[in-house]
Amino acid sequence: MIRAHRKRVATGNAEDLADLVQLRAELDEAINEGARALHDGTADHPGLSWTEIASVLGVSRQAARQRFGGAA
């Protein structure tokens, strides 16, 4: 889907560029919510540490905490 939009944008379709920007915003929101949920955990599953989340993302613990540890 992303590749198809990229190709259409390259041929001059500005609407597809707007779609890609919206998709990026939605994906960023989903990533942020997912990381916070993994850290917070549930009654059945304890939360992961920022170190564990950072390891999966390939960033430092500090970077993960700064990006995802803010107010929900």
Protein backbone atom coordinates (compact mmCIF):
# COMPACT_ATOMS: atom_id res chain seq x y z
CA MET A 1 0.00 0.00 0.00
CA ILE A 2 2.78 2.43 0.92
CA ARG A 3 4.77 1.58 -2.20
CA ALA A 4 1.72 2.06 -4.39
CA HIS A 5 1.05 5.48 -2.88
CA ARG A 6 4.72 6.42 -3.31
CA LYS A 7 4.55 5.53 -7.01
CA ARG A 8 1.36 7.55 -7.51
CA VAL A 9 2.88 10.54 -5.70
CA ALA A 10 5.92 10.30 -7.99
CA THR A 11 3.59 10.63 -10.98
CA GLY A 12 2.04 13.82 -9.61
CA ASN A 13 -0.87 12.62 -7.47
CA ALA A 14 -0.87 15.07 -4.55
CA GLU A 15 -3.86 13.42 -2.85
CA ASP A 16 -1.81 10.28 -2.30
CA LEU A 17 0.86 12.38 -0.58
CA ALA A 18 -1.78 13.61 1.86
CA ASP A 19 -2.85 9.99 2.42
CA LEU A 20 0.74 9.03 3.24
CA VAL A 21 1.05 11.86 5.76
CA GLN A 22 -2.19 10.75 7.44
CA LEU A 23 -0.98 7.15 7.49
CA ARG A 24 2.27 8.25 9.14
CA ALA A 25 0.33 10.10 11.86
CA GLU A 26 -1.87 7.07 12.54
CA LEU A 27 1.12 4.73 12.60
CA ASP A 28 3.00 7.00 15.02
CA GLU A 29 -0.05 7.07 17.30
CA ALA A 30 -0.35 3.28 17.23
CA ILE A 31 3.36 2.85 18.02
CA ASN A 32 3.17 5.32 20.91
CA GLU A 33 0.07 3.69 22.39
CA GLY A 34 1.52 0.22 21.93
CA ALA A 35 4.79 1.07 23.67
CA ARG A 36 2.96 2.67 26.61
CA ALA A 37 0.62 -0.32 26.89
CA LEU A 38 3.56 -2.74 26.89
CA HIS A 39 5.21 -0.72 29.65
CA ASP A 40 2.04 -0.35 31.74
CA GLY A 41 1.03 -4.01 31.43
CA THR A 42 -2.25 -5.48 32.62
CA ALA A 43 -3.50 -7.47 35.57
CA ASP A 44 -2.63 -10.67 33.67
CA HIS A 45 0.66 -9.53 32.11
CA PRO A 46 3.20 -7.40 33.92
CA GLY A 47 4.57 -4.46 32.00
CA LEU A 48 7.90 -4.51 30.22
CA SER A 49 10.76 -2.30 31.33
CA TRP A 50 11.89 0.58 29.16
CA THR A 51 15.10 -1.41 28.65
CA GLU A 52 13.13 -4.35 27.20
CA ILE A 53 11.07 -2.07 24.95
CA ALA A 54 14.18 -0.19 23.84
CA SER A 55 15.90 -3.46 22.94
CA VAL A 56 13.06 -4.45 20.62
CA LEU A 57 13.10 -1.02 18.99
CA GLY A 58 16.86 -0.84 18.67
CA VAL A 59 17.17 2.37 20.68
CA SER A 60 18.55 3.25 24.11
CA ARG A 61 16.46 2.90 27.25
CA GLN A 62 16.60 6.66 27.67
CA ALA A 63 15.36 7.27 24.12
CA ALA A 64 12.42 4.87 24.61
CA ARG A 65 11.49 6.43 27.94
CA GLN A 66 11.71 9.96 26.55
CA ARG A 67 9.61 9.14 23.51
CA PHE A 68 6.96 6.92 25.10
CA GLY A 69 7.13 7.63 28.83
CA GLY A 70 5.38 10.97 28.80
CA ALA A 71 1.81 11.66 29.75
CA ALA A 72 -0.65 9.46 27.92
